[in-house]
């Protein structure tokens, strides 16, 4: 098990992360700069193991419950964008549903997923809005990925992120979210506020697990 301080994969601060919590499977380090909780690189799942885990997901456009879940992100983003906007759903998964919901609302959509829709050509055009639903907790390189998404947003555009936010150590110790082997980064409210400051904007917390950022 890892004990020595680690560099942070989000703010990239060197040796900024100290051991925060440990269970039988993994170590969890927390950054003193951006507050991100993250797994050491040697304990992250392989690409093959990730893919096998994602293949277990059963997401269908006909699943009313799943649509309701996604509405936590869809509704606040949709009411802030103009009709016929162009959006990108980043990390769309094996059964894209969120992009379909935006298309049904009159918007043009592109999707990207490293396993199921790996067309990097979608990164060659700008977007009015970008969504990342249950994605950032899977990122091995959150600094690079979030910088890319922000660069693709047009001025005034919206980035919507949905992910469960980490609380204190007591809550973390019994948190189901950390049990998923593909979850390697855990954001908190403080982390979202830190990220917003880097982008010179304000975080808009529209739900317990949904945060919006508007590009100046």
Protein backbone atom coordinates (compact mmCIF):
# COMPACT_ATOMS: atom_id res chain seq x y z
CA UNK A 1 0.00 0.00 0.00
CA UNK A 2 1.13 3.54 -0.81
CA UNK A 3 2.24 5.82 2.06
CA UNK A 4 4.48 8.52 0.60
CA UNK A 5 2.98 11.83 -0.61
CA UNK A 6 1.76 11.93 -4.21
CA UNK A 7 1.45 14.60 -6.86
CA UNK A 8 -2.12 15.62 -7.63
CA UNK A 9 -3.60 14.61 -11.02
CA UNK A 10 -5.88 17.67 -11.04
CA UNK A 11 -3.88 20.69 -9.88
CA UNK A 12 -0.56 18.93 -10.67
CA UNK A 13 0.97 20.14 -7.40
CA UNK A 14 4.03 18.10 -6.55
CA UNK A 15 3.96 15.97 -3.42
CA UNK A 16 0.79 17.79 -2.31
CA UNK A 17 -1.36 14.77 -1.43
CA UNK A 18 -1.28 12.94 1.88
CA UNK A 19 -2.95 9.67 2.80
CA UNK A 20 -6.58 10.43 3.65
CA UNK A 21 -8.15 7.00 4.02
CA UNK A 22 -7.30 3.35 3.43
CA UNK A 23 -9.41 0.23 3.00
CA UNK A 24 -8.57 -3.37 2.16
CA UNK A 25 -8.26 -2.64 -1.56
CA UNK A 26 -6.89 0.84 -2.04
CA UNK A 27 -5.29 3.98 -0.63
CA UNK A 28 -7.00 7.34 -0.99
CA UNK A 29 -4.90 10.49 -0.99
CA UNK A 30 -6.22 14.04 -0.60
CA UNK A 31 -4.57 17.07 -2.15
CA UNK A 32 -3.88 19.99 0.17
CA UNK A 33 -4.18 22.46 -2.72
CA UNK A 34 -7.39 21.52 -4.59
CA UNK A 35 -8.85 18.98 -2.13
CA UNK A 36 -9.18 16.24 -4.74
CA UNK A 37 -9.18 12.71 -3.30
CA UNK A 38 -7.44 10.31 -5.66
CA UNK A 39 -6.08 6.80 -6.02
CA UNK A 40 -2.35 6.17 -6.60
CA UNK A 41 -1.58 5.32 -10.25
CA UNK A 42 -0.40 1.81 -9.35
CA UNK A 43 -3.81 1.02 -7.83
CA UNK A 44 -5.93 2.26 -10.73
CA UNK A 45 -7.61 -0.36 -12.93
CA UNK A 46 -6.15 -1.29 -16.29
CA UNK A 47 -7.88 -0.14 -19.45
CA UNK A 48 -9.11 -3.71 -20.02
CA UNK A 49 -10.54 -3.95 -16.50
CA UNK A 50 -12.26 -0.59 -16.95
CA UNK A 51 -13.86 -1.70 -20.19
CA UNK A 52 -15.12 -4.92 -18.65
CA UNK A 53 -16.72 -2.97 -15.79
CA UNK A 54 -18.40 -0.48 -18.15
CA UNK A 55 -19.80 -3.30 -20.25
CA UNK A 56 -21.92 -4.22 -17.23
CA UNK A 57 -23.82 -0.94 -17.45
CA UNK A 58 -27.32 -1.24 -18.85
CA UNK A 59 -28.45 2.22 -19.91
CA UNK A 60 -31.45 2.48 -22.23
CA UNK A 61 -33.38 5.44 -23.67
CA UNK A 62 -36.55 3.56 -22.70
CA UNK A 63 -35.54 3.47 -19.03
CA UNK A 64 -37.66 6.17 -17.38
CA UNK A 65 -35.71 5.91 -14.15
CA UNK A 66 -32.42 6.53 -15.90
CA UNK A 67 -33.88 9.50 -17.76
CA UNK A 68 -35.07 10.93 -14.46
CA UNK A 69 -31.57 10.49 -13.04
CA UNK A 70 -30.00 12.30 -16.02
CA UNK A 71 -32.59 15.07 -15.75
CA UNK A 72 -30.67 16.35 -12.74
CA UNK A 73 -28.08 17.53 -15.26
CA UNK A 74 -30.22 17.87 -18.38
CA UNK A 75 -32.83 20.29 -16.97
CA UNK A 76 -30.50 22.95 -15.53
CA UNK A 77 -28.30 22.93 -18.63
CA UNK A 78 -31.20 22.92 -21.10
CA UNK A 79 -32.86 25.95 -19.53
CA UNK A 80 -29.64 27.96 -19.86
CA UNK A 81 -28.93 27.36 -23.54
CA UNK A 82 -30.55 28.64 -26.73
CA UNK A 83 -32.58 26.42 -29.05
CA UNK A 84 -30.49 24.73 -31.75
CA UNK A 85 -27.35 24.89 -29.61
CA UNK A 86 -24.53 22.46 -30.36
CA UNK A 87 -23.39 20.28 -27.48
CA UNK A 88 -20.90 17.54 -26.65
CA UNK A 89 -21.64 14.70 -24.24
CA UNK A 90 -18.21 13.67 -22.97
CA UNK A 91 -18.07 10.11 -21.66
CA UNK A 92 -21.35 9.06 -23.23
CA UNK A 93 -21.03 5.41 -22.21
CA UNK A 94 -22.26 2.21 -23.90
CA UNK A 95 -25.84 3.45 -24.23
CA UNK A 96 -25.95 7.21 -24.93
CA UNK A 97 -29.13 8.67 -23.44
CA UNK A 98 -28.27 12.20 -22.32
CA UNK A 99 -27.35 13.24 -25.86
CA UNK A 100 -30.69 11.87 -27.09
CA UNK A 101 -32.52 13.96 -24.48
CA UNK A 102 -30.82 17.10 -25.75
CA UNK A 103 -31.60 16.16 -29.37
CA UNK A 104 -35.25 15.71 -28.42
CA UNK A 105 -35.11 19.24 -27.01
CA UNK A 106 -33.94 20.62 -30.36
CA UNK A 107 -30.16 20.68 -30.03
CA UNK A 108 -27.41 19.21 -32.17
CA UNK A 109 -25.21 16.75 -30.31
CA UNK A 110 -21.84 15.09 -30.62
CA UNK A 111 -20.67 12.32 -28.31
CA UNK A 112 -17.31 11.03 -27.17
CA UNK A 113 -16.37 8.00 -25.14
CA UNK A 114 -12.90 6.42 -25.16
CA UNK A 115 -14.42 2.93 -25.35
CA UNK A 116 -17.77 3.25 -27.14
CA UNK A 117 -17.48 6.40 -29.28
CA UNK A 118 -13.74 7.05 -29.66
CA UNK A 119 -13.97 9.64 -32.44
CA UNK A 120 -11.49 12.32 -31.40
CA UNK A 121 -12.60 14.40 -34.34
CA UNK A 122 -15.28 15.84 -32.05
CA UNK A 123 -12.48 17.78 -30.35
CA UNK A 124 -11.85 19.83 -33.47
CA UNK A 125 -14.94 22.04 -33.17
CA UNK A 126 -16.26 24.42 -30.47
CA UNK A 127 -19.45 23.87 -28.49
CA UNK A 128 -22.20 25.91 -26.88
CA UNK A 129 -22.37 23.43 -24.03
CA UNK A 130 -20.63 20.28 -22.80
CA UNK A 131 -21.89 17.67 -20.37
CA UNK A 132 -19.99 15.09 -18.33
CA UNK A 133 -22.39 12.86 -16.44
CA UNK A 134 -20.78 10.45 -13.98
CA UNK A 135 -17.47 10.85 -15.78
CA UNK A 136 -14.92 12.89 -13.83
CA UNK A 137 -14.63 10.27 -11.08
CA UNK A 138 -13.24 7.88 -13.72
CA UNK A 139 -10.55 10.21 -15.08
CA UNK A 140 -6.93 9.17 -14.69
CA UNK A 141 -5.85 12.56 -16.08
CA UNK A 142 -8.46 15.07 -14.85
CA UNK A 143 -6.21 18.09 -15.45
CA UNK A 144 -5.76 17.25 -19.14
CA UNK A 145 -9.37 16.20 -19.74
CA UNK A 146 -10.98 19.19 -18.05
CA UNK A 147 -8.59 21.62 -19.75
CA UNK A 148 -9.59 20.13 -23.10
CA UNK A 149 -13.31 20.47 -22.40
CA UNK A 150 -12.95 24.06 -21.24
CA UNK A 151 -10.94 24.93 -24.37
CA UNK A 152 -13.76 23.61 -26.57
CA UNK A 153 -16.43 25.81 -24.99
CA UNK A 154 -17.48 28.97 -26.77
CA UNK A 155 -17.55 32.19 -24.70
CA UNK A 156 -20.74 32.15 -22.64
CA UNK A 157 -20.99 28.38 -23.00
CA UNK A 158 -21.83 25.97 -20.19
CA UNK A 159 -19.99 22.95 -18.83
CA UNK A 160 -22.19 20.69 -16.72
CA UNK A 161 -20.60 18.08 -14.45
CA UNK A 162 -22.51 15.46 -12.50
CA UNK A 163 -20.61 13.47 -9.89
CA UNK A 164 -21.14 12.62 -6.24
CA UNK A 165 -19.18 15.00 -4.01
CA UNK A 166 -16.95 13.76 -1.21
CA UNK A 167 -17.56 14.97 2.33
CA UNK A 168 -15.50 14.35 5.47
CA UNK A 169 -13.51 11.25 6.40
CA UNK A 170 -16.33 9.74 8.47
CA UNK A 171 -18.76 9.95 5.56
CA UNK A 172 -16.09 8.77 3.14
CA UNK A 173 -15.42 5.63 5.19
CA UNK A 174 -18.94 4.29 4.49
CA UNK A 175 -19.43 5.92 1.08
CA UNK A 176 -20.67 3.50 -1.57
CA UNK A 177 -19.20 5.66 -4.33
CA UNK A 178 -15.63 4.65 -3.54
CA UNK A 179 -16.45 0.95 -3.94
CA UNK A 180 -16.60 1.14 -7.73
CA UNK A 181 -13.12 0.04 -8.88
CA UNK A 182 -13.26 2.46 -11.82
CA UNK A 183 -13.79 5.49 -9.56
CA UNK A 184 -10.32 6.93 -9.05
CA UNK A 185 -10.93 10.66 -8.46
CA UNK A 186 -13.36 12.10 -5.94
CA UNK A 187 -14.28 15.76 -6.18
CA UNK A 188 -15.63 17.84 -3.32
CA UNK A 189 -17.36 21.21 -3.22
CA UNK A 190 -13.98 22.74 -2.42
CA UNK A 191 -12.47 21.04 -5.48
CA UNK A 192 -15.19 22.45 -7.71
CA UNK A 193 -14.60 25.91 -6.28
CA UNK A 194 -10.86 25.57 -6.87
CA UNK A 195 -11.45 24.50 -10.48
CA UNK A 196 -13.84 27.39 -11.09
CA UNK A 197 -11.23 29.84 -9.83
CA UNK A 198 -8.72 28.49 -12.35
CA UNK A 199 -11.26 29.18 -15.07
CA UNK A 200 -12.06 32.63 -13.68
CA UNK A 201 -15.71 31.79 -13.21
CA UNK A 202 -18.09 30.81 -10.39
CA UNK A 203 -19.35 27.29 -9.73
CA UNK A 204 -23.12 26.96 -9.79
CA UNK A 205 -24.28 24.07 -7.61
CA UNK A 206 -27.75 23.23 -8.92
CA UNK A 207 -28.03 19.89 -7.06
CA UNK A 208 -26.02 17.92 -4.54
CA UNK A 209 -24.18 16.18 -7.37
CA UNK A 210 -24.44 18.69 -10.23
CA UNK A 211 -22.23 21.70 -10.79
CA UNK A 212 -22.32 24.09 -13.74
CA UNK A 213 -19.56 26.38 -15.00
CA UNK A 214 -20.11 29.22 -17.46
CA UNK A 215 -17.19 30.32 -19.61
CA UNK A 216 -16.62 34.09 -19.42
